[in-house]
Amino acid sequence: MRWRTPLLPFILLLAGCKQDMADQPRYNPLEASKQFADGMSARTPVDGSVARDTDLAATPDRFPYPVTMALLQRGQQRFDIFCSPCHDRTGDGHGMVVQRGFPAPPSYHQDALRKASDRHFYDVITNGYGAMYSYAARVPPTDRWAIVAYIRALQYSRYAPGKALPDTLRAKLDAEAAR
């Protein structure tokens, strides 16, 4: 009978276990409820509630880090994936989606967008604008800034001042213009 003594507390402990934690009363989504005056079990969020994945960090108006060749290459890669279906690879707004009947986005090369702040492009990628939906869930903040840097490079490539070109390229450009 000596072997039963250590088992007795264990048996008593097991007898006390129930399924109360596993079988809690709960409501299915949108199920009716008599508990609340409006008869609904689903409650609206309290005013001022913030979603769990919301980024509460302040967004800077300019690039938060230096623009490097690696950043521009990353921006080009992300632009080609996420933006070019509508904006096309040159930023003119004639992508494949537009060719299939969707509304054309504005060209990045128009005056209003060349003068727009870097933060404007970042906010549009984050929140969407017009027919464009938000890419916040698809494009992380660092890649959004990389895309903005690449958009600026696209704009500069078309409207770079001639004085900024090296002499060899300026000579080629002058030769082409003379033809």
N, C-alpha and C. Protein backbone atom coordinates (compact mmCIF):
# COMPACT_ATOMS: atom_id res chain seq x y z
N MET A 1 0.81 -1.20 0.00
CA MET A 1 0.00 0.00 0.00
C MET A 1 0.85 1.26 0.00
N ARG A 2 2.06 1.10 0.09
CA ARG A 2 2.96 2.23 0.16
C ARG A 2 2.98 3.01 -1.16
N TRP A 3 2.81 2.42 -2.31
CA TRP A 3 2.87 3.08 -3.61
C TRP A 3 1.68 4.00 -3.86
N ARG A 4 0.56 3.85 -3.14
CA ARG A 4 -0.63 4.68 -3.36
C ARG A 4 -0.47 6.08 -2.76
N THR A 5 0.32 6.24 -1.79
CA THR A 5 0.43 7.53 -1.11
C THR A 5 0.91 8.65 -2.04
N PRO A 6 1.95 8.48 -2.85
CA PRO A 6 2.34 9.58 -3.74
C PRO A 6 1.32 9.83 -4.85
N LEU A 7 0.52 8.86 -5.20
CA LEU A 7 -0.46 9.05 -6.27
C LEU A 7 -1.71 9.76 -5.79
N LEU A 8 -2.01 9.73 -4.53
CA LEU A 8 -3.24 10.32 -4.03
C LEU A 8 -3.34 11.82 -4.31
N PRO A 9 -2.31 12.64 -4.04
CA PRO A 9 -2.43 14.08 -4.37
C PRO A 9 -2.59 14.30 -5.88
N PHE A 10 -1.93 13.50 -6.68
CA PHE A 10 -2.04 13.64 -8.14
C PHE A 10 -3.46 13.32 -8.61
N ILE A 11 -4.05 12.29 -8.05
CA ILE A 11 -5.43 11.90 -8.42
C ILE A 11 -6.39 12.99 -7.99
N LEU A 12 -6.20 13.55 -6.81
CA LEU A 12 -7.07 14.62 -6.35
C LEU A 12 -6.91 15.87 -7.23
N LEU A 13 -5.72 16.14 -7.65
CA LEU A 13 -5.47 17.27 -8.52
C LEU A 13 -6.17 17.11 -9.87
N LEU A 14 -6.10 15.92 -10.44
CA LEU A 14 -6.78 15.64 -11.72
C LEU A 14 -8.28 15.72 -11.59
N ALA A 15 -8.81 15.31 -10.47
CA ALA A 15 -10.26 15.34 -10.27
C ALA A 15 -10.77 16.78 -10.25
N GLY A 16 -9.93 17.71 -9.86
CA GLY A 16 -10.32 19.11 -9.80
C GLY A 16 -10.30 19.82 -11.15
N CYS A 17 -9.69 19.23 -12.16
CA CYS A 17 -9.59 19.86 -13.49
C CYS A 17 -10.92 19.77 -14.21
N LYS A 18 -11.30 20.85 -14.82
CA LYS A 18 -12.53 20.88 -15.62
C LYS A 18 -12.20 21.52 -16.97
N GLN A 19 -13.13 21.55 -17.84
CA GLN A 19 -12.97 22.15 -19.15
C GLN A 19 -13.48 23.59 -19.19
N ASP A 20 -13.57 24.22 -18.02
CA ASP A 20 -14.14 25.57 -17.98
C ASP A 20 -13.34 26.54 -18.87
N MET A 21 -12.04 26.42 -18.89
CA MET A 21 -11.24 27.34 -19.71
C MET A 21 -11.44 27.08 -21.20
N ALA A 22 -11.63 25.85 -21.58
CA ALA A 22 -11.79 25.51 -22.99
C ALA A 22 -13.21 25.77 -23.49
N ASP A 23 -14.17 25.65 -22.59
CA ASP A 23 -15.58 25.77 -22.99
C ASP A 23 -16.20 27.03 -22.42
N GLN A 24 -15.56 28.15 -22.64
CA GLN A 24 -16.08 29.42 -22.13
C GLN A 24 -17.27 29.88 -22.96
N PRO A 25 -18.20 30.55 -22.33
CA PRO A 25 -19.30 31.11 -23.13
C PRO A 25 -18.76 32.25 -24.00
N ARG A 26 -19.19 32.31 -25.23
CA ARG A 26 -18.74 33.35 -26.14
C ARG A 26 -19.77 33.54 -27.23
N TYR A 27 -19.63 34.62 -27.96
CA TYR A 27 -20.51 34.92 -29.08
C TYR A 27 -19.76 34.70 -30.38
N ASN A 28 -20.46 34.21 -31.38
CA ASN A 28 -19.90 34.15 -32.73
C ASN A 28 -19.98 35.55 -33.33
N PRO A 29 -19.17 35.84 -34.34
CA PRO A 29 -19.22 37.18 -34.94
C PRO A 29 -20.63 37.53 -35.43
N LEU A 30 -21.05 38.73 -35.10
CA LEU A 30 -22.34 39.30 -35.50
C LEU A 30 -23.55 38.53 -34.96
N GLU A 31 -23.36 37.74 -33.94
CA GLU A 31 -24.46 37.00 -33.32
C GLU A 31 -25.26 37.96 -32.45
N ALA A 32 -26.58 37.75 -32.38
CA ALA A 32 -27.44 38.59 -31.55
C ALA A 32 -27.13 38.35 -30.08
N SER A 33 -27.39 39.39 -29.27
CA SER A 33 -27.10 39.30 -27.84
C SER A 33 -28.16 40.06 -27.06
N LYS A 34 -28.59 39.48 -25.97
CA LYS A 34 -29.54 40.17 -25.09
C LYS A 34 -28.78 40.95 -24.01
N GLN A 35 -27.48 40.82 -23.99
CA GLN A 35 -26.67 41.47 -22.97
C GLN A 35 -26.59 42.97 -23.16
N PHE A 36 -26.66 43.45 -24.42
CA PHE A 36 -26.52 44.86 -24.70
C PHE A 36 -27.84 45.43 -25.23
N ALA A 37 -28.06 46.71 -25.02
CA ALA A 37 -29.32 47.36 -25.38
C ALA A 37 -29.59 47.32 -26.88
N ASP A 38 -28.53 47.38 -27.70
CA ASP A 38 -28.73 47.38 -29.15
C ASP A 38 -28.93 45.99 -29.72
N GLY A 39 -28.83 44.95 -28.90
CA GLY A 39 -29.07 43.58 -29.33
C GLY A 39 -27.93 42.96 -30.12
N MET A 40 -26.78 43.62 -30.20
CA MET A 40 -25.65 43.11 -30.96
C MET A 40 -24.55 42.66 -30.01
N SER A 41 -23.86 41.59 -30.39
CA SER A 41 -22.74 41.13 -29.57
C SER A 41 -21.44 41.84 -29.96
N ALA A 42 -21.33 42.27 -31.22
CA ALA A 42 -20.12 42.94 -31.69
C ALA A 42 -20.15 44.39 -31.22
N ARG A 43 -19.08 44.84 -30.63
CA ARG A 43 -18.99 46.20 -30.11
C ARG A 43 -18.11 47.04 -31.02
N THR A 44 -18.43 48.30 -31.15
CA THR A 44 -17.59 49.20 -31.93
C THR A 44 -16.39 49.61 -31.08
N PRO A 45 -15.26 49.89 -31.70
CA PRO A 45 -14.08 50.30 -30.93
C PRO A 45 -14.34 51.62 -30.20
N VAL A 46 -13.72 51.77 -29.07
CA VAL A 46 -13.83 53.00 -28.29
C VAL A 46 -13.17 54.13 -29.06
N ASP A 47 -13.72 55.34 -28.97
CA ASP A 47 -13.11 56.49 -29.64
C ASP A 47 -11.66 56.63 -29.24
N GLY A 48 -10.80 56.86 -30.23
CA GLY A 48 -9.37 57.01 -29.96
C GLY A 48 -8.61 55.70 -30.01
N SER A 49 -9.30 54.59 -30.30
CA SER A 49 -8.60 53.30 -30.39
C SER A 49 -7.65 53.31 -31.58
N VAL A 50 -6.55 52.62 -31.44
CA VAL A 50 -5.55 52.55 -32.49
C VAL A 50 -5.32 51.08 -32.82
N ALA A 51 -5.28 50.76 -34.10
CA ALA A 51 -5.04 49.37 -34.51
C ALA A 51 -3.66 48.92 -34.05
N ARG A 52 -3.52 47.64 -33.78
CA ARG A 52 -2.27 47.10 -33.26
C ARG A 52 -1.06 47.37 -34.14
N ASP A 53 -1.26 47.26 -35.45
CA ASP A 53 -0.12 47.39 -36.36
C ASP A 53 0.10 48.82 -36.86
N THR A 54 -0.56 49.80 -36.25
CA THR A 54 -0.41 51.18 -36.66
C THR A 54 0.97 51.70 -36.27
N ASP A 55 1.62 52.35 -37.22
CA ASP A 55 2.93 52.95 -36.96
C ASP A 55 2.70 54.34 -36.39
N LEU A 56 3.05 54.54 -35.13
CA LEU A 56 2.81 55.81 -34.47
C LEU A 56 4.01 56.75 -34.54
N ALA A 57 5.05 56.32 -35.19
CA ALA A 57 6.24 57.18 -35.32
C ALA A 57 5.92 58.34 -36.27
N ALA A 58 6.46 59.49 -35.98
CA ALA A 58 6.25 60.66 -36.83
C ALA A 58 6.92 60.43 -38.18
N THR A 59 6.23 60.78 -39.25
CA THR A 59 6.78 60.62 -40.59
C THR A 59 7.49 61.90 -40.98
N PRO A 60 8.76 61.83 -41.33
CA PRO A 60 9.49 63.05 -41.70
C PRO A 60 9.01 63.58 -43.05
N ASP A 61 9.26 64.87 -43.28
CA ASP A 61 8.88 65.49 -44.55
C ASP A 61 9.89 65.22 -45.66
N ARG A 62 11.13 64.95 -45.29
CA ARG A 62 12.19 64.65 -46.26
C ARG A 62 12.72 63.27 -45.98
N PHE A 63 13.65 62.81 -46.80
CA PHE A 63 14.22 61.48 -46.63
C PHE A 63 14.86 61.35 -45.26
N PRO A 64 14.53 60.28 -44.54
CA PRO A 64 15.10 60.11 -43.20
C PRO A 64 16.52 59.58 -43.20
N TYR A 65 17.06 59.23 -44.35
CA TYR A 65 18.43 58.72 -44.44
C TYR A 65 18.99 59.11 -45.80
N PRO A 66 20.31 58.98 -45.97
CA PRO A 66 20.93 59.42 -47.24
C PRO A 66 20.45 58.61 -48.44
N VAL A 67 20.35 59.28 -49.57
CA VAL A 67 19.98 58.61 -50.81
C VAL A 67 21.26 58.05 -51.43
N THR A 68 21.33 56.74 -51.51
CA THR A 68 22.49 56.05 -52.05
C THR A 68 22.09 55.27 -53.30
N MET A 69 23.08 54.77 -54.01
CA MET A 69 22.80 53.95 -55.19
C MET A 69 22.03 52.69 -54.79
N ALA A 70 22.37 52.10 -53.66
CA ALA A 70 21.67 50.90 -53.18
C ALA A 70 20.20 51.21 -52.91
N LEU A 71 19.93 52.39 -52.32
CA LEU A 71 18.55 52.79 -52.05
C LEU A 71 17.79 52.98 -53.36
N LEU A 72 18.42 53.62 -54.34
CA LEU A 72 17.77 53.83 -55.64
C LEU A 72 17.50 52.51 -56.36
N GLN A 73 18.43 51.58 -56.26
CA GLN A 73 18.22 50.27 -56.89
C GLN A 73 17.06 49.53 -56.21
N ARG A 74 17.01 49.60 -54.89
CA ARG A 74 15.90 48.98 -54.16
C ARG A 74 14.59 49.67 -54.55
N GLY A 75 14.62 50.99 -54.66
CA GLY A 75 13.44 51.73 -55.06
C GLY A 75 12.97 51.35 -56.46
N GLN A 76 13.91 51.18 -57.37
CA GLN A 76 13.55 50.76 -58.73
C GLN A 76 12.91 49.38 -58.71
N GLN A 77 13.49 48.47 -57.96
CA GLN A 77 12.94 47.11 -57.87
C GLN A 77 11.52 47.14 -57.32
N ARG A 78 11.32 47.87 -56.22
CA ARG A 78 9.98 47.96 -55.60
C ARG A 78 9.01 48.70 -56.52
N PHE A 79 9.48 49.74 -57.20
CA PHE A 79 8.64 50.49 -58.14
C PHE A 79 8.18 49.58 -59.26
N ASP A 80 9.11 48.80 -59.83
CA ASP A 80 8.75 47.90 -60.92
C ASP A 80 7.71 46.87 -60.48
N ILE A 81 7.79 46.44 -59.24
CA ILE A 81 6.85 45.44 -58.73
C ILE A 81 5.49 46.06 -58.44
N PHE A 82 5.46 47.12 -57.65
CA PHE A 82 4.21 47.65 -57.12
C PHE A 82 3.61 48.80 -57.92
N CYS A 83 4.42 49.61 -58.55
CA CYS A 83 3.93 50.85 -59.17
C CYS A 83 3.79 50.77 -60.68
N SER A 84 4.71 50.07 -61.34
CA SER A 84 4.72 50.08 -62.81
C SER A 84 3.47 49.47 -63.46
N PRO A 85 2.74 48.55 -62.82
CA PRO A 85 1.53 48.08 -63.50
C PRO A 85 0.56 49.20 -63.86
N CYS A 86 0.53 50.27 -63.08
CA CYS A 86 -0.33 51.41 -63.40
C CYS A 86 0.48 52.58 -63.97
N HIS A 87 1.60 52.91 -63.33
CA HIS A 87 2.37 54.11 -63.70
C HIS A 87 3.35 53.85 -64.84
N ASP A 88 3.57 52.67 -65.25
CA ASP A 88 4.56 52.16 -66.20
C ASP A 88 5.96 52.46 -65.70
N ARG A 89 6.95 51.87 -66.32
CA ARG A 89 8.32 51.96 -65.80
C ARG A 89 8.95 53.33 -65.95
N THR A 90 8.35 54.18 -66.77
CA THR A 90 8.89 55.52 -66.93
C THR A 90 8.15 56.55 -66.09
N GLY A 91 7.05 56.16 -65.48
CA GLY A 91 6.28 57.08 -64.64
C GLY A 91 5.30 57.95 -65.41
N ASP A 92 5.02 57.59 -66.67
CA ASP A 92 4.10 58.39 -67.48
C ASP A 92 2.63 58.10 -67.20
N GLY A 93 2.33 56.96 -66.57
CA GLY A 93 0.94 56.63 -66.26
C GLY A 93 0.25 55.79 -67.32
N HIS A 94 1.02 55.05 -68.11
CA HIS A 94 0.44 54.23 -69.18
C HIS A 94 0.78 52.75 -68.98
N GLY A 95 0.64 52.26 -67.76
CA GLY A 95 0.99 50.88 -67.46
C GLY A 95 0.02 49.88 -68.06
N MET A 96 0.30 48.61 -67.85
CA MET A 96 -0.52 47.54 -68.42
C MET A 96 -1.95 47.56 -67.87
N VAL A 97 -2.13 47.93 -66.63
CA VAL A 97 -3.47 48.01 -66.05
C VAL A 97 -4.28 49.09 -66.76
N VAL A 98 -3.66 50.20 -67.08
CA VAL A 98 -4.32 51.29 -67.78
C VAL A 98 -4.67 50.85 -69.20
N GLN A 99 -3.78 50.10 -69.83
CA GLN A 99 -4.03 49.62 -71.19
C GLN A 99 -5.19 48.64 -71.24
N ARG A 100 -5.56 48.10 -70.08
CA ARG A 100 -6.68 47.16 -70.00
C ARG A 100 -7.98 47.85 -69.57
N GLY A 101 -7.98 49.19 -69.50
CA GLY A 101 -9.22 49.93 -69.27
C GLY A 101 -9.35 50.62 -67.93
N PHE A 102 -8.41 50.48 -67.05
CA PHE A 102 -8.50 51.17 -65.76
C PHE A 102 -8.11 52.64 -65.93
N PRO A 103 -8.56 53.49 -65.01
CA PRO A 103 -8.22 54.92 -65.13
C PRO A 103 -6.71 55.14 -65.05
N ALA A 104 -6.23 56.08 -65.82
CA ALA A 104 -4.79 56.37 -65.84
C ALA A 104 -4.40 57.25 -64.65
N PRO A 105 -3.32 56.89 -63.97
CA PRO A 105 -2.82 57.77 -62.90
C PRO A 105 -2.10 58.96 -63.54
N PRO A 106 -1.87 60.00 -62.76
CA PRO A 106 -1.16 61.15 -63.33
C PRO A 106 0.30 60.80 -63.61
N SER A 107 0.88 61.51 -64.55
CA SER A 107 2.29 61.32 -64.87
C SER A 107 3.12 61.96 -63.77
N TYR A 108 4.21 61.30 -63.38
CA TYR A 108 5.12 61.88 -62.39
C TYR A 108 5.88 63.07 -62.97
N HIS A 109 5.78 63.26 -64.27
CA HIS A 109 6.56 64.30 -64.94
C HIS A 109 5.78 65.60 -65.12
N GLN A 110 4.56 65.67 -64.63
CA GLN A 110 3.83 66.93 -64.70
C GLN A 110 4.32 67.88 -63.61
N ASP A 111 4.15 69.17 -63.85
CA ASP A 111 4.69 70.18 -62.94
C ASP A 111 4.23 69.99 -61.50
N ALA A 112 2.96 69.72 -61.30
CA ALA A 112 2.43 69.62 -59.93
C ALA A 112 3.13 68.52 -59.14
N LEU A 113 3.42 67.38 -59.77
CA LEU A 113 4.07 66.29 -59.06
C LEU A 113 5.58 66.47 -58.97
N ARG A 114 6.17 67.20 -59.89
CA ARG A 114 7.60 67.50 -59.75
C ARG A 114 7.83 68.45 -58.59
N LYS A 115 6.85 69.31 -58.32
CA LYS A 115 6.96 70.27 -57.22
C LYS A 115 6.44 69.70 -55.89
N ALA A 116 5.77 68.56 -55.94
CA ALA A 116 5.20 67.96 -54.71
C ALA A 116 6.32 67.55 -53.76
N SER A 117 6.02 67.55 -52.48
CA SER A 117 7.02 67.18 -51.48
C SER A 117 7.26 65.67 -51.48
N ASP A 118 8.39 65.28 -50.95
CA ASP A 118 8.68 63.86 -50.82
C ASP A 118 7.62 63.19 -49.94
N ARG A 119 7.20 63.90 -48.92
CA ARG A 119 6.19 63.37 -47.99
C ARG A 119 4.89 63.08 -48.72
N HIS A 120 4.55 63.87 -49.74
CA HIS A 120 3.31 63.63 -50.51
C HIS A 120 3.33 62.23 -51.12
N PHE A 121 4.42 61.87 -51.78
CA PHE A 121 4.51 60.55 -52.41
C PHE A 121 4.46 59.45 -51.35
N TYR A 122 5.16 59.66 -50.25
CA TYR A 122 5.16 58.69 -49.15
C TYR A 122 3.73 58.49 -48.62
N ASP A 123 3.00 59.59 -48.42
CA ASP A 123 1.64 59.50 -47.91
C ASP A 123 0.70 58.82 -48.91
N VAL A 124 0.88 59.08 -50.19
CA VAL A 124 0.02 58.44 -51.20
C VAL A 124 0.27 56.93 -51.22
N ILE A 125 1.53 56.52 -51.13
CA ILE A 125 1.83 55.08 -51.08
C ILE A 125 1.21 54.48 -49.82
N THR A 126 1.29 55.19 -48.71
CA THR A 126 0.81 54.68 -47.43
C THR A 126 -0.71 54.63 -47.37
N ASN A 127 -1.38 55.72 -47.78
CA ASN A 127 -2.83 55.84 -47.58
C ASN A 127 -3.66 55.66 -48.84
N GLY A 128 -3.02 55.68 -50.00
CA GLY A 128 -3.77 55.65 -51.24
C GLY A 128 -4.27 57.04 -51.58
N TYR A 129 -4.78 57.20 -52.81
CA TYR A 129 -5.28 58.49 -53.25
C TYR A 129 -6.12 58.26 -54.49
N GLY A 130 -7.32 58.78 -54.51
CA GLY A 130 -8.20 58.57 -55.66
C GLY A 130 -8.50 57.09 -55.86
N ALA A 131 -8.24 56.59 -57.06
CA ALA A 131 -8.49 55.18 -57.36
C ALA A 131 -7.41 54.26 -56.81
N MET A 132 -6.28 54.84 -56.39
CA MET A 132 -5.18 54.02 -55.87
C MET A 132 -5.45 53.66 -54.42
N TYR A 133 -5.36 52.39 -54.11
CA TYR A 133 -5.56 51.95 -52.73
C TYR A 133 -4.25 51.99 -51.96
N SER A 134 -4.36 51.83 -50.67
CA SER A 134 -3.19 51.90 -49.79
C SER A 134 -2.26 50.71 -50.01
N TYR A 135 -0.98 50.99 -50.01
CA TYR A 135 0.04 49.94 -50.09
C TYR A 135 0.74 49.75 -48.75
N ALA A 136 0.18 50.30 -47.69
CA ALA A 136 0.82 50.23 -46.37
C ALA A 136 1.02 48.78 -45.92
N ALA A 137 0.10 47.91 -46.25
CA ALA A 137 0.22 46.51 -45.83
C ALA A 137 1.19 45.73 -46.72
N ARG A 138 1.50 46.25 -47.90
CA ARG A 138 2.35 45.53 -48.85
C ARG A 138 3.79 46.05 -48.90
N VAL A 139 3.94 47.34 -48.65
CA VAL A 139 5.25 47.98 -48.80
C VAL A 139 5.67 48.56 -47.44
N PRO A 140 6.74 48.04 -46.85
CA PRO A 140 7.18 48.58 -45.56
C PRO A 140 7.71 50.01 -45.71
N PRO A 141 7.74 50.77 -44.61
CA PRO A 141 8.14 52.18 -44.69
C PRO A 141 9.49 52.42 -45.35
N THR A 142 10.48 51.59 -45.08
CA THR A 142 11.79 51.81 -45.71
C THR A 142 11.71 51.67 -47.23
N ASP A 143 10.91 50.73 -47.71
CA ASP A 143 10.74 50.57 -49.15
C ASP A 143 9.91 51.71 -49.75
N ARG A 144 8.99 52.29 -48.97
CA ARG A 144 8.23 53.45 -49.46
C ARG A 144 9.17 54.61 -49.74
N TRP A 145 10.12 54.82 -48.80
CA TRP A 145 11.09 55.90 -49.02
C TRP A 145 12.00 55.59 -50.21
N ALA A 146 12.34 54.32 -50.40
CA ALA A 146 13.15 53.94 -51.55
C ALA A 146 12.39 54.21 -52.85
N ILE A 147 11.10 53.94 -52.87
CA ILE A 147 10.28 54.21 -54.06
C ILE A 147 10.22 55.71 -54.32
N VAL A 148 10.06 56.50 -53.26
CA VAL A 148 10.03 57.96 -53.42
C VAL A 148 11.35 58.45 -54.02
N ALA A 149 12.46 57.92 -53.54
CA ALA A 149 13.77 58.30 -54.08
C ALA A 149 13.85 57.95 -55.57
N TYR A 150 13.33 56.78 -55.94
CA TYR A 150 13.37 56.38 -57.34
C TYR A 150 12.46 57.27 -58.20
N ILE A 151 11.29 57.64 -57.66
CA ILE A 151 10.40 58.55 -58.39
C ILE A 151 11.13 59.86 -58.66
N ARG A 152 11.85 60.36 -57.68
CA ARG A 152 12.62 61.60 -57.85
C ARG A 152 13.71 61.41 -58.92
N ALA A 153 14.32 60.23 -58.94
CA ALA A 153 15.33 59.95 -59.97
C ALA A 153 14.69 59.92 -61.36
N LEU A 154 13.49 59.34 -61.46
CA LEU A 154 12.78 59.33 -62.75
C LEU A 154 12.49 60.76 -63.20
N GLN A 155 12.01 61.58 -62.27
CA GLN A 155 11.71 62.96 -62.60
C GLN A 155 12.96 63.71 -63.02
N TYR A 156 14.03 63.52 -62.30
CA TYR A 156 15.29 64.22 -62.60
C TYR A 156 15.86 63.76 -63.94
N SER A 157 15.66 62.49 -64.26
CA SER A 157 16.22 61.97 -65.51
C SER A 157 15.63 62.68 -66.73
N ARG A 158 14.43 63.16 -66.61
CA ARG A 158 13.79 63.81 -67.73
C ARG A 158 13.98 65.32 -67.74
N TYR A 159 14.21 65.88 -66.57
CA TYR A 159 14.29 67.33 -66.46
C TYR A 159 15.60 67.80 -65.82
N ALA A 160 16.64 67.03 -66.00
CA ALA A 160 17.94 67.42 -65.45
C ALA A 160 18.45 68.64 -66.19
N PRO A 161 19.00 69.61 -65.48
CA PRO A 161 19.56 70.78 -66.18
C PRO A 161 20.77 70.37 -67.01
N GLY A 162 20.90 70.93 -68.21
CA GLY A 162 22.00 70.59 -69.10
C GLY A 162 23.37 70.86 -68.51
N LYS A 163 23.44 71.86 -67.64
CA LYS A 163 24.72 72.21 -67.02
C LYS A 163 25.20 71.13 -66.06
N ALA A 164 24.28 70.30 -65.59
CA ALA A 164 24.65 69.25 -64.63
C ALA A 164 25.25 68.03 -65.33
N LEU A 165 25.14 67.97 -66.66
CA LEU A 165 25.67 66.82 -67.40
C LEU A 165 27.18 66.94 -67.59
N PRO A 166 27.87 65.81 -67.63
CA PRO A 166 29.30 65.84 -67.96
C PRO A 166 29.48 66.33 -69.40
N ASP A 167 30.65 66.87 -69.68
CA ASP A 167 30.93 67.45 -71.00
C ASP A 167 30.72 66.45 -72.13
N THR A 168 31.10 65.19 -71.93
CA THR A 168 30.94 64.18 -72.99
C THR A 168 29.47 63.94 -73.32
N LEU A 169 28.63 63.87 -72.30
CA LEU A 169 27.20 63.66 -72.55
C LEU A 169 26.56 64.91 -73.14
N ARG A 170 27.00 66.08 -72.71
CA ARG A 170 26.46 67.32 -73.25
C ARG A 170 26.80 67.44 -74.73
N ALA A 171 28.00 67.01 -75.12
CA ALA A 171 28.39 67.04 -76.54
C ALA A 171 27.51 66.09 -77.36
N LYS A 172 27.24 64.90 -76.82
CA LYS A 172 26.37 63.95 -77.52
C LYS A 172 24.96 64.54 -77.68
N LEU A 173 24.47 65.16 -76.61
CA LEU A 173 23.13 65.76 -76.65
C LEU A 173 23.07 66.88 -77.67
N ASP A 174 24.09 67.71 -77.71
CA ASP A 174 24.14 68.80 -78.69
C ASP A 174 24.20 68.25 -80.12
N ALA A 175 24.94 67.15 -80.31
CA ALA A 175 25.05 66.53 -81.63
C ALA A 175 23.70 65.99 -82.07
N GLU A 176 22.97 65.39 -81.15
CA GLU A 176 21.64 64.84 -81.47
C GLU A 176 20.66 65.96 -81.78
N ALA A 177 20.76 67.06 -81.07
CA ALA A 177 19.85 68.19 -81.28
C ALA A 177 20.13 68.85 -82.63
N ALA A 178 21.40 68.80 -83.09
CA ALA A 178 21.79 69.43 -84.36
C ALA A 178 21.24 68.66 -85.55
N ARG A 179 20.96 67.41 -85.38
CA ARG A 179 20.47 66.60 -86.50
C ARG A 179 19.16 67.02 -86.96
